[in-house]
Amino acid sequence: MSWTARAVALGALVFCALAGFEAARLPNWSAFDGPGPGLLPQILVALIAVTALGVLAAPGHGEPEGGAASPLRSRGFLGYGGAMLGLALTLPHLGFILAGALATLLVMRIAEGVGWTAAFLWALVLVSAVTLLFGTALGVPFPPGPAERLLAPLGLLRLG
């Protein structure tokens, strides 16, 4: 267990180095506007680095909570992991509405074991709520996809 914890901690430190480099390029504070877009990423990188250093110093011992079973045997892990990877890969091409609906369907069917009807309803409710809250109410630009191109002329969201 300790070698696994140390390997994860080293991976987190590599991530922190790369993310910290990118976050340092953003302004973190402005005399006129206050906190900038780089402040939160820099704080998160520092917290992750401190935690990773703590794990390196005292990795602990014993078995993980789930025992020695591989997470790749877990339907939940595979469903959520596949949904996140699929969302990242399809978002630029399909837009948020279709990619988000497909990711929700994947999570609900594979990870949660819900029936098709409930999965479709959850996908519809979740994607509609996010679109109305962020696209309509807050005016956040969405990546252009087929569904977004249909809703943009109606004034329901902006395209990015």
N, C-alpha and C. Protein backbone atom coordinates (compact mmCIF):
# COMPACT_ATOMS: atom_id res chain seq x y z
N MET A 1 0.82 -1.20 0.00
CA MET A 1 0.00 0.00 0.00
C MET A 1 0.86 1.25 0.00
N SER A 2 1.95 1.27 0.74
CA SER A 2 2.73 2.50 0.84
C SER A 2 3.36 2.88 -0.49
N TRP A 3 3.76 1.88 -1.30
CA TRP A 3 4.34 2.24 -2.60
C TRP A 3 3.27 2.80 -3.52
N THR A 4 2.03 2.31 -3.43
CA THR A 4 0.94 2.85 -4.24
C THR A 4 0.63 4.28 -3.84
N ALA A 5 0.58 4.53 -2.53
CA ALA A 5 0.30 5.88 -2.05
C ALA A 5 1.41 6.83 -2.47
N ARG A 6 2.64 6.37 -2.39
CA ARG A 6 3.77 7.24 -2.81
C ARG A 6 3.73 7.52 -4.31
N ALA A 7 3.36 6.52 -5.11
CA ALA A 7 3.27 6.72 -6.56
C ALA A 7 2.17 7.72 -6.89
N VAL A 8 1.04 7.63 -6.21
CA VAL A 8 -0.04 8.59 -6.44
C VAL A 8 0.38 9.99 -5.99
N ALA A 9 1.09 10.08 -4.87
CA ALA A 9 1.57 11.37 -4.38
C ALA A 9 2.56 12.00 -5.36
N LEU A 10 3.45 11.18 -5.92
CA LEU A 10 4.39 11.70 -6.91
C LEU A 10 3.65 12.17 -8.16
N GLY A 11 2.65 11.41 -8.57
CA GLY A 11 1.83 11.84 -9.71
C GLY A 11 1.12 13.16 -9.42
N ALA A 12 0.64 13.31 -8.19
CA ALA A 12 -0.02 14.57 -7.81
C ALA A 12 0.97 15.72 -7.83
N LEU A 13 2.21 15.48 -7.42
CA LEU A 13 3.21 16.55 -7.46
C LEU A 13 3.57 16.94 -8.89
N VAL A 14 3.62 15.96 -9.79
CA VAL A 14 3.86 16.27 -11.21
C VAL A 14 2.69 17.09 -11.75
N PHE A 15 1.47 16.68 -11.41
CA PHE A 15 0.29 17.45 -11.82
C PHE A 15 0.37 18.87 -11.28
N CYS A 16 0.76 19.02 -10.01
CA CYS A 16 0.85 20.34 -9.39
C CYS A 16 1.88 21.21 -10.10
N ALA A 17 3.00 20.61 -10.51
CA ALA A 17 4.02 21.38 -11.22
C ALA A 17 3.47 21.90 -12.54
N LEU A 18 2.79 21.03 -13.29
CA LEU A 18 2.24 21.45 -14.58
C LEU A 18 1.09 22.45 -14.41
N ALA A 19 0.18 22.14 -13.49
CA ALA A 19 -0.95 23.03 -13.26
C ALA A 19 -0.49 24.36 -12.66
N GLY A 20 0.50 24.30 -11.78
CA GLY A 20 1.02 25.53 -11.18
C GLY A 20 1.67 26.42 -12.22
N PHE A 21 2.37 25.82 -13.18
CA PHE A 21 2.97 26.60 -14.26
C PHE A 21 1.90 27.31 -15.09
N GLU A 22 0.82 26.59 -15.41
CA GLU A 22 -0.27 27.20 -16.17
C GLU A 22 -1.00 28.25 -15.35
N ALA A 23 -1.25 27.97 -14.07
CA ALA A 23 -1.97 28.92 -13.22
C ALA A 23 -1.16 30.18 -12.97
N ALA A 24 0.17 30.06 -12.94
CA ALA A 24 1.02 31.23 -12.70
C ALA A 24 0.98 32.21 -13.86
N ARG A 25 0.57 31.74 -15.02
CA ARG A 25 0.48 32.63 -16.19
C ARG A 25 -0.76 33.51 -16.15
N LEU A 26 -1.72 33.18 -15.28
CA LEU A 26 -2.94 33.97 -15.15
C LEU A 26 -2.77 35.01 -14.05
N PRO A 27 -3.40 36.16 -14.20
CA PRO A 27 -3.31 37.16 -13.12
C PRO A 27 -4.07 36.68 -11.89
N ASN A 28 -3.43 36.80 -10.71
CA ASN A 28 -4.09 36.31 -9.51
C ASN A 28 -4.75 37.42 -8.70
N TRP A 29 -4.36 38.66 -8.92
CA TRP A 29 -4.99 39.74 -8.15
C TRP A 29 -4.88 41.03 -8.95
N SER A 30 -5.91 41.85 -8.86
CA SER A 30 -5.92 43.15 -9.50
C SER A 30 -6.29 44.20 -8.46
N ALA A 31 -5.61 45.32 -8.50
CA ALA A 31 -5.90 46.39 -7.53
C ALA A 31 -7.31 46.93 -7.70
N PHE A 32 -7.85 46.83 -8.90
CA PHE A 32 -9.17 47.38 -9.16
C PHE A 32 -10.29 46.33 -9.04
N ASP A 33 -10.03 45.12 -9.51
CA ASP A 33 -11.07 44.10 -9.56
C ASP A 33 -10.99 43.07 -8.44
N GLY A 34 -9.91 43.03 -7.71
CA GLY A 34 -9.75 42.03 -6.66
C GLY A 34 -9.21 40.73 -7.21
N PRO A 35 -9.74 39.58 -6.77
CA PRO A 35 -9.20 38.29 -7.20
C PRO A 35 -9.31 38.09 -8.71
N GLY A 36 -8.26 37.56 -9.28
CA GLY A 36 -8.23 37.30 -10.71
C GLY A 36 -8.48 35.83 -11.00
N PRO A 37 -8.47 35.45 -12.28
CA PRO A 37 -8.77 34.07 -12.66
C PRO A 37 -7.69 33.07 -12.26
N GLY A 38 -6.52 33.52 -11.87
CA GLY A 38 -5.46 32.60 -11.49
C GLY A 38 -5.39 32.31 -10.01
N LEU A 39 -6.13 33.05 -9.19
CA LEU A 39 -6.02 32.88 -7.74
C LEU A 39 -6.50 31.51 -7.27
N LEU A 40 -7.71 31.11 -7.65
CA LEU A 40 -8.25 29.84 -7.20
C LEU A 40 -7.41 28.65 -7.68
N PRO A 41 -7.01 28.59 -8.95
CA PRO A 41 -6.14 27.48 -9.36
C PRO A 41 -4.82 27.44 -8.58
N GLN A 42 -4.25 28.59 -8.28
CA GLN A 42 -3.00 28.60 -7.52
C GLN A 42 -3.21 28.11 -6.10
N ILE A 43 -4.32 28.46 -5.48
CA ILE A 43 -4.62 27.98 -4.13
C ILE A 43 -4.84 26.47 -4.16
N LEU A 44 -5.60 25.98 -5.14
CA LEU A 44 -5.85 24.53 -5.23
C LEU A 44 -4.57 23.75 -5.49
N VAL A 45 -3.70 24.27 -6.34
CA VAL A 45 -2.43 23.59 -6.60
C VAL A 45 -1.60 23.52 -5.32
N ALA A 46 -1.58 24.60 -4.55
CA ALA A 46 -0.83 24.60 -3.29
C ALA A 46 -1.41 23.58 -2.31
N LEU A 47 -2.73 23.51 -2.20
CA LEU A 47 -3.35 22.55 -1.28
C LEU A 47 -3.08 21.10 -1.71
N ILE A 48 -3.17 20.83 -3.01
CA ILE A 48 -2.90 19.48 -3.50
C ILE A 48 -1.43 19.12 -3.27
N ALA A 49 -0.53 20.07 -3.48
CA ALA A 49 0.90 19.81 -3.27
C ALA A 49 1.20 19.53 -1.80
N VAL A 50 0.61 20.29 -0.90
CA VAL A 50 0.82 20.06 0.54
C VAL A 50 0.29 18.68 0.93
N THR A 51 -0.87 18.32 0.42
CA THR A 51 -1.43 16.99 0.71
C THR A 51 -0.54 15.89 0.15
N ALA A 52 -0.05 16.07 -1.07
CA ALA A 52 0.83 15.05 -1.67
C ALA A 52 2.13 14.92 -0.88
N LEU A 53 2.69 16.03 -0.41
CA LEU A 53 3.89 15.96 0.41
C LEU A 53 3.61 15.24 1.73
N GLY A 54 2.43 15.46 2.30
CA GLY A 54 2.05 14.75 3.51
C GLY A 54 1.95 13.25 3.28
N VAL A 55 1.39 12.85 2.13
CA VAL A 55 1.29 11.43 1.81
C VAL A 55 2.68 10.84 1.57
N LEU A 56 3.57 11.60 0.94
CA LEU A 56 4.93 11.11 0.75
C LEU A 56 5.64 10.91 2.09
N ALA A 57 5.42 11.82 3.03
CA ALA A 57 6.08 11.73 4.33
C ALA A 57 5.51 10.58 5.16
N ALA A 58 4.21 10.38 5.12
CA ALA A 58 3.56 9.34 5.92
C ALA A 58 2.51 8.63 5.07
N PRO A 59 2.92 7.67 4.23
CA PRO A 59 1.97 7.06 3.31
C PRO A 59 0.95 6.14 3.96
N GLY A 60 1.14 5.80 5.20
CA GLY A 60 0.20 4.90 5.86
C GLY A 60 0.50 3.46 5.52
N HIS A 61 -0.25 2.56 6.09
CA HIS A 61 -0.06 1.14 5.83
C HIS A 61 -1.41 0.45 5.97
N GLY A 62 -1.48 -0.73 5.45
CA GLY A 62 -2.74 -1.45 5.48
C GLY A 62 -3.38 -1.47 4.11
N GLU A 63 -4.52 -2.10 4.05
CA GLU A 63 -5.25 -2.22 2.80
C GLU A 63 -6.16 -1.02 2.57
N PRO A 64 -6.41 -0.68 1.32
CA PRO A 64 -7.39 0.36 1.05
C PRO A 64 -8.78 -0.07 1.52
N GLU A 65 -9.68 0.87 1.58
CA GLU A 65 -11.02 0.61 2.11
C GLU A 65 -11.74 -0.51 1.37
N GLY A 66 -11.58 -0.60 0.08
CA GLY A 66 -12.26 -1.62 -0.71
C GLY A 66 -11.52 -2.94 -0.75
N GLY A 67 -10.44 -3.07 0.00
CA GLY A 67 -9.64 -4.27 -0.04
C GLY A 67 -8.68 -4.24 -1.22
N ALA A 68 -8.24 -5.38 -1.64
CA ALA A 68 -7.27 -5.45 -2.72
C ALA A 68 -7.93 -5.51 -4.09
N ALA A 69 -9.25 -5.38 -4.16
CA ALA A 69 -9.96 -5.46 -5.44
C ALA A 69 -9.59 -4.28 -6.33
N SER A 70 -9.47 -4.54 -7.59
CA SER A 70 -9.13 -3.51 -8.56
C SER A 70 -10.35 -2.63 -8.83
N PRO A 71 -10.14 -1.31 -8.93
CA PRO A 71 -11.28 -0.46 -9.28
C PRO A 71 -11.81 -0.72 -10.69
N LEU A 72 -11.01 -1.37 -11.52
CA LEU A 72 -11.46 -1.67 -12.87
C LEU A 72 -12.50 -2.79 -12.90
N ARG A 73 -12.76 -3.41 -11.77
CA ARG A 73 -13.82 -4.42 -11.69
C ARG A 73 -15.13 -3.81 -11.20
N SER A 74 -15.13 -2.54 -10.90
CA SER A 74 -16.30 -1.86 -10.37
C SER A 74 -17.10 -1.22 -11.50
N ARG A 75 -18.38 -1.56 -11.59
CA ARG A 75 -19.25 -0.94 -12.61
C ARG A 75 -19.36 0.55 -12.39
N GLY A 76 -19.43 0.97 -11.12
CA GLY A 76 -19.55 2.39 -10.82
C GLY A 76 -18.33 3.17 -11.30
N PHE A 77 -17.15 2.66 -11.00
CA PHE A 77 -15.91 3.32 -11.42
C PHE A 77 -15.83 3.40 -12.94
N LEU A 78 -16.12 2.28 -13.59
CA LEU A 78 -16.05 2.26 -15.05
C LEU A 78 -17.11 3.16 -15.68
N GLY A 79 -18.31 3.19 -15.12
CA GLY A 79 -19.36 4.06 -15.66
C GLY A 79 -19.02 5.53 -15.54
N TYR A 80 -18.59 5.94 -14.36
CA TYR A 80 -18.23 7.34 -14.16
C TYR A 80 -16.98 7.73 -14.95
N GLY A 81 -15.98 6.85 -14.93
CA GLY A 81 -14.76 7.12 -15.69
C GLY A 81 -15.03 7.22 -17.18
N GLY A 82 -15.82 6.30 -17.71
CA GLY A 82 -16.16 6.33 -19.13
C GLY A 82 -16.98 7.57 -19.49
N ALA A 83 -17.87 7.96 -18.60
CA ALA A 83 -18.68 9.16 -18.86
C ALA A 83 -17.81 10.41 -18.89
N MET A 84 -16.87 10.52 -17.96
CA MET A 84 -16.00 11.71 -17.93
C MET A 84 -15.08 11.75 -19.15
N LEU A 85 -14.52 10.61 -19.50
CA LEU A 85 -13.66 10.56 -20.68
C LEU A 85 -14.47 10.84 -21.95
N GLY A 86 -15.66 10.24 -22.04
CA GLY A 86 -16.51 10.49 -23.21
C GLY A 86 -16.94 11.94 -23.31
N LEU A 87 -17.26 12.55 -22.17
CA LEU A 87 -17.65 13.96 -22.17
C LEU A 87 -16.51 14.84 -22.65
N ALA A 88 -15.30 14.56 -22.17
CA ALA A 88 -14.14 15.37 -22.59
C ALA A 88 -13.86 15.22 -24.08
N LEU A 89 -14.06 14.02 -24.62
CA LEU A 89 -13.76 13.79 -26.03
C LEU A 89 -14.86 14.30 -26.97
N THR A 90 -16.11 14.25 -26.54
CA THR A 90 -17.22 14.60 -27.44
C THR A 90 -17.69 16.04 -27.28
N LEU A 91 -17.36 16.70 -26.18
CA LEU A 91 -17.86 18.06 -25.95
C LEU A 91 -17.51 19.04 -27.08
N PRO A 92 -16.27 19.06 -27.59
CA PRO A 92 -15.99 20.01 -28.67
C PRO A 92 -16.74 19.73 -29.96
N HIS A 93 -17.15 18.48 -30.18
CA HIS A 93 -17.79 18.12 -31.44
C HIS A 93 -19.32 18.10 -31.36
N LEU A 94 -19.86 17.63 -30.24
CA LEU A 94 -21.31 17.51 -30.10
C LEU A 94 -21.94 18.66 -29.33
N GLY A 95 -21.13 19.47 -28.66
CA GLY A 95 -21.68 20.52 -27.81
C GLY A 95 -22.08 19.95 -26.46
N PHE A 96 -22.46 20.82 -25.52
CA PHE A 96 -22.75 20.37 -24.17
C PHE A 96 -24.03 19.55 -24.08
N ILE A 97 -25.07 19.94 -24.79
CA ILE A 97 -26.37 19.31 -24.60
C ILE A 97 -26.32 17.83 -24.97
N LEU A 98 -25.84 17.49 -26.15
CA LEU A 98 -25.77 16.09 -26.55
C LEU A 98 -24.72 15.32 -25.76
N ALA A 99 -23.53 15.90 -25.57
CA ALA A 99 -22.48 15.21 -24.82
C ALA A 99 -22.89 15.02 -23.36
N GLY A 100 -23.51 16.02 -22.76
CA GLY A 100 -23.96 15.90 -21.37
C GLY A 100 -25.07 14.87 -21.22
N ALA A 101 -25.97 14.82 -22.18
CA ALA A 101 -27.04 13.83 -22.13
C ALA A 101 -26.48 12.42 -22.28
N LEU A 102 -25.53 12.24 -23.19
CA LEU A 102 -24.92 10.91 -23.35
C LEU A 102 -24.13 10.50 -22.11
N ALA A 103 -23.41 11.43 -21.51
CA ALA A 103 -22.65 11.12 -20.29
C ALA A 103 -23.60 10.75 -19.15
N THR A 104 -24.70 11.47 -19.02
CA THR A 104 -25.68 11.17 -17.97
C THR A 104 -26.31 9.80 -18.20
N LEU A 105 -26.64 9.49 -19.45
CA LEU A 105 -27.18 8.16 -19.76
C LEU A 105 -26.19 7.06 -19.40
N LEU A 106 -24.92 7.27 -19.72
CA LEU A 106 -23.90 6.27 -19.42
C LEU A 106 -23.76 6.07 -17.91
N VAL A 107 -23.74 7.15 -17.17
CA VAL A 107 -23.62 7.04 -15.71
C VAL A 107 -24.84 6.35 -15.13
N MET A 108 -26.02 6.74 -15.55
CA MET A 108 -27.24 6.18 -14.98
C MET A 108 -27.41 4.70 -15.32
N ARG A 109 -27.11 4.33 -16.56
CA ARG A 109 -27.30 2.93 -16.97
C ARG A 109 -26.20 2.02 -16.43
N ILE A 110 -24.94 2.39 -16.60
CA ILE A 110 -23.84 1.49 -16.24
C ILE A 110 -23.48 1.62 -14.77
N ALA A 111 -23.22 2.83 -14.30
CA ALA A 111 -22.74 3.00 -12.93
C ALA A 111 -23.84 2.82 -11.90
N GLU A 112 -25.02 3.35 -12.18
CA GLU A 112 -26.09 3.31 -11.18
C GLU A 112 -27.11 2.20 -11.42
N GLY A 113 -27.09 1.58 -12.60
CA GLY A 113 -27.99 0.46 -12.87
C GLY A 113 -29.46 0.84 -12.98
N VAL A 114 -29.75 2.06 -13.37
CA VAL A 114 -31.13 2.54 -13.50
C VAL A 114 -31.67 2.11 -14.86
N GLY A 115 -32.97 1.92 -14.97
CA GLY A 115 -33.60 1.55 -16.23
C GLY A 115 -33.51 2.67 -17.27
N TRP A 116 -33.82 2.31 -18.52
CA TRP A 116 -33.70 3.27 -19.62
C TRP A 116 -34.62 4.48 -19.44
N THR A 117 -35.85 4.27 -19.01
CA THR A 117 -36.79 5.38 -18.86
C THR A 117 -36.29 6.38 -17.84
N ALA A 118 -35.89 5.88 -16.68
CA ALA A 118 -35.38 6.78 -15.64
C ALA A 118 -34.09 7.46 -16.09
N ALA A 119 -33.23 6.75 -16.82
CA ALA A 119 -31.97 7.34 -17.29
C ALA A 119 -32.26 8.48 -18.28
N PHE A 120 -33.21 8.26 -19.20
CA PHE A 120 -33.57 9.33 -20.14
C PHE A 120 -34.17 10.53 -19.42
N LEU A 121 -35.01 10.26 -18.43
CA LEU A 121 -35.60 11.37 -17.66
C LEU A 121 -34.54 12.15 -16.90
N TRP A 122 -33.61 11.46 -16.25
CA TRP A 122 -32.53 12.15 -15.54
C TRP A 122 -31.68 12.98 -16.51
N ALA A 123 -31.36 12.41 -17.67
CA ALA A 123 -30.56 13.14 -18.65
C ALA A 123 -31.30 14.40 -19.12
N LEU A 124 -32.59 14.26 -19.38
CA LEU A 124 -33.39 15.40 -19.82
C LEU A 124 -33.46 16.48 -18.74
N VAL A 125 -33.74 16.08 -17.51
CA VAL A 125 -33.86 17.05 -16.42
C VAL A 125 -32.52 17.72 -16.13
N LEU A 126 -31.45 16.94 -16.04
CA LEU A 126 -30.14 17.50 -15.70
C LEU A 126 -29.63 18.45 -16.78
N VAL A 127 -29.66 18.02 -18.02
CA VAL A 127 -29.16 18.86 -19.11
C VAL A 127 -30.03 20.10 -19.29
N SER A 128 -31.34 19.96 -19.15
CA SER A 128 -32.23 21.13 -19.25
C SER A 128 -31.95 22.13 -18.14
N ALA A 129 -31.78 21.63 -16.92
CA ALA A 129 -31.53 22.53 -15.79
C ALA A 129 -30.20 23.26 -15.95
N VAL A 130 -29.16 22.54 -16.35
CA VAL A 130 -27.85 23.18 -16.53
C VAL A 130 -27.90 24.18 -17.67
N THR A 131 -28.57 23.84 -18.76
CA THR A 131 -28.67 24.75 -19.90
C THR A 131 -29.44 26.01 -19.53
N LEU A 132 -30.56 25.84 -18.83
CA LEU A 132 -31.35 27.02 -18.45
C LEU A 132 -30.63 27.88 -17.41
N LEU A 133 -29.98 27.24 -16.45
CA LEU A 133 -29.28 28.01 -15.42
C LEU A 133 -28.08 28.74 -15.99
N PHE A 134 -27.18 28.00 -16.64
CA PHE A 134 -25.95 28.62 -17.10
C PHE A 134 -26.10 29.32 -18.45
N GLY A 135 -26.79 28.69 -19.39
CA GLY A 135 -26.91 29.28 -20.72
C GLY A 135 -27.88 30.43 -20.79
N THR A 136 -29.05 30.28 -20.15
CA THR A 136 -30.09 31.30 -20.23
C THR A 136 -29.94 32.34 -19.12
N ALA A 137 -29.95 31.90 -17.88
CA ALA A 137 -29.95 32.85 -16.75
C ALA A 137 -28.62 33.56 -16.58
N LEU A 138 -27.50 32.83 -16.67
CA LEU A 138 -26.19 33.44 -16.42
C LEU A 138 -25.47 33.87 -17.69
N GLY A 139 -25.93 33.45 -18.84
CA GLY A 139 -25.33 33.88 -20.11
C GLY A 139 -23.97 33.29 -20.40
N VAL A 140 -23.68 32.11 -19.85
CA VAL A 140 -22.40 31.46 -20.11
C VAL A 140 -22.41 30.91 -21.53
N PRO A 141 -21.39 31.22 -22.34
CA PRO A 141 -21.36 30.69 -23.71
C PRO A 141 -21.13 29.19 -23.72
N PHE A 142 -21.87 28.49 -24.56
CA PHE A 142 -21.78 27.05 -24.68
C PHE A 142 -20.98 26.69 -25.92
N PRO A 143 -20.28 25.54 -25.91
CA PRO A 143 -19.60 25.11 -27.14
C PRO A 143 -20.62 24.81 -28.22
N PRO A 144 -20.36 25.24 -29.44
CA PRO A 144 -21.36 25.06 -30.50
C PRO A 144 -21.52 23.60 -30.90
N GLY A 145 -22.72 23.11 -30.76
CA GLY A 145 -23.10 21.77 -31.19
C GLY A 145 -24.42 21.87 -31.92
N PRO A 146 -24.93 20.78 -32.43
CA PRO A 146 -26.20 20.83 -33.18
C PRO A 146 -27.36 21.37 -32.35
N ALA A 147 -27.51 20.91 -31.12
CA ALA A 147 -28.62 21.37 -30.29
C ALA A 147 -28.44 22.83 -29.89
N GLU A 148 -27.21 23.23 -29.62
CA GLU A 148 -26.95 24.63 -29.25
C GLU A 148 -27.23 25.57 -30.42
N ARG A 149 -26.94 25.11 -31.62
CA ARG A 149 -27.20 25.95 -32.80
C ARG A 149 -28.71 26.14 -33.01
N LEU A 150 -29.51 25.18 -32.58
CA LEU A 150 -30.97 25.33 -32.67
C LEU A 150 -31.51 26.28 -31.60
N LEU A 151 -30.91 26.26 -30.41
CA LEU A 151 -31.41 27.07 -29.30
C LEU A 151 -30.87 28.50 -29.29
N ALA A 152 -29.72 28.73 -29.90
CA ALA A 152 -29.11 30.07 -29.88
C ALA A 152 -29.99 31.13 -30.54
N PRO A 153 -30.60 30.88 -31.71
CA PRO A 153 -31.46 31.91 -32.31
C PRO A 153 -32.70 32.23 -31.47
N LEU A 154 -33.10 31.31 -30.60
CA LEU A 154 -34.27 31.55 -29.74
C LEU A 154 -33.91 32.38 -28.51
N GLY A 155 -32.62 32.66 -28.33
CA GLY A 155 -32.17 33.45 -27.20
C GLY A 155 -32.02 32.67 -25.92
N LEU A 156 -32.03 31.33 -26.00
CA LEU A 156 -31.92 30.51 -24.78
C LEU A 156 -30.48 30.33 -24.33
N LEU A 157 -29.52 30.52 -25.23
CA LEU A 157 -28.11 30.44 -24.83
C LEU A 157 -27.25 31.11 -25.87
N ARG A 158 -26.00 31.37 -25.46
CA ARG A 158 -25.01 31.98 -26.36
C ARG A 158 -24.02 30.90 -26.79
N LEU A 159 -23.53 31.04 -28.00
CA LEU A 159 -22.51 30.11 -28.47
C LEU A 159 -21.15 30.67 -28.16
N GLY A 160 -20.21 29.78 -27.81
CA GLY A 160 -18.85 30.20 -27.45
C GLY A 160 -17.96 30.36 -28.65
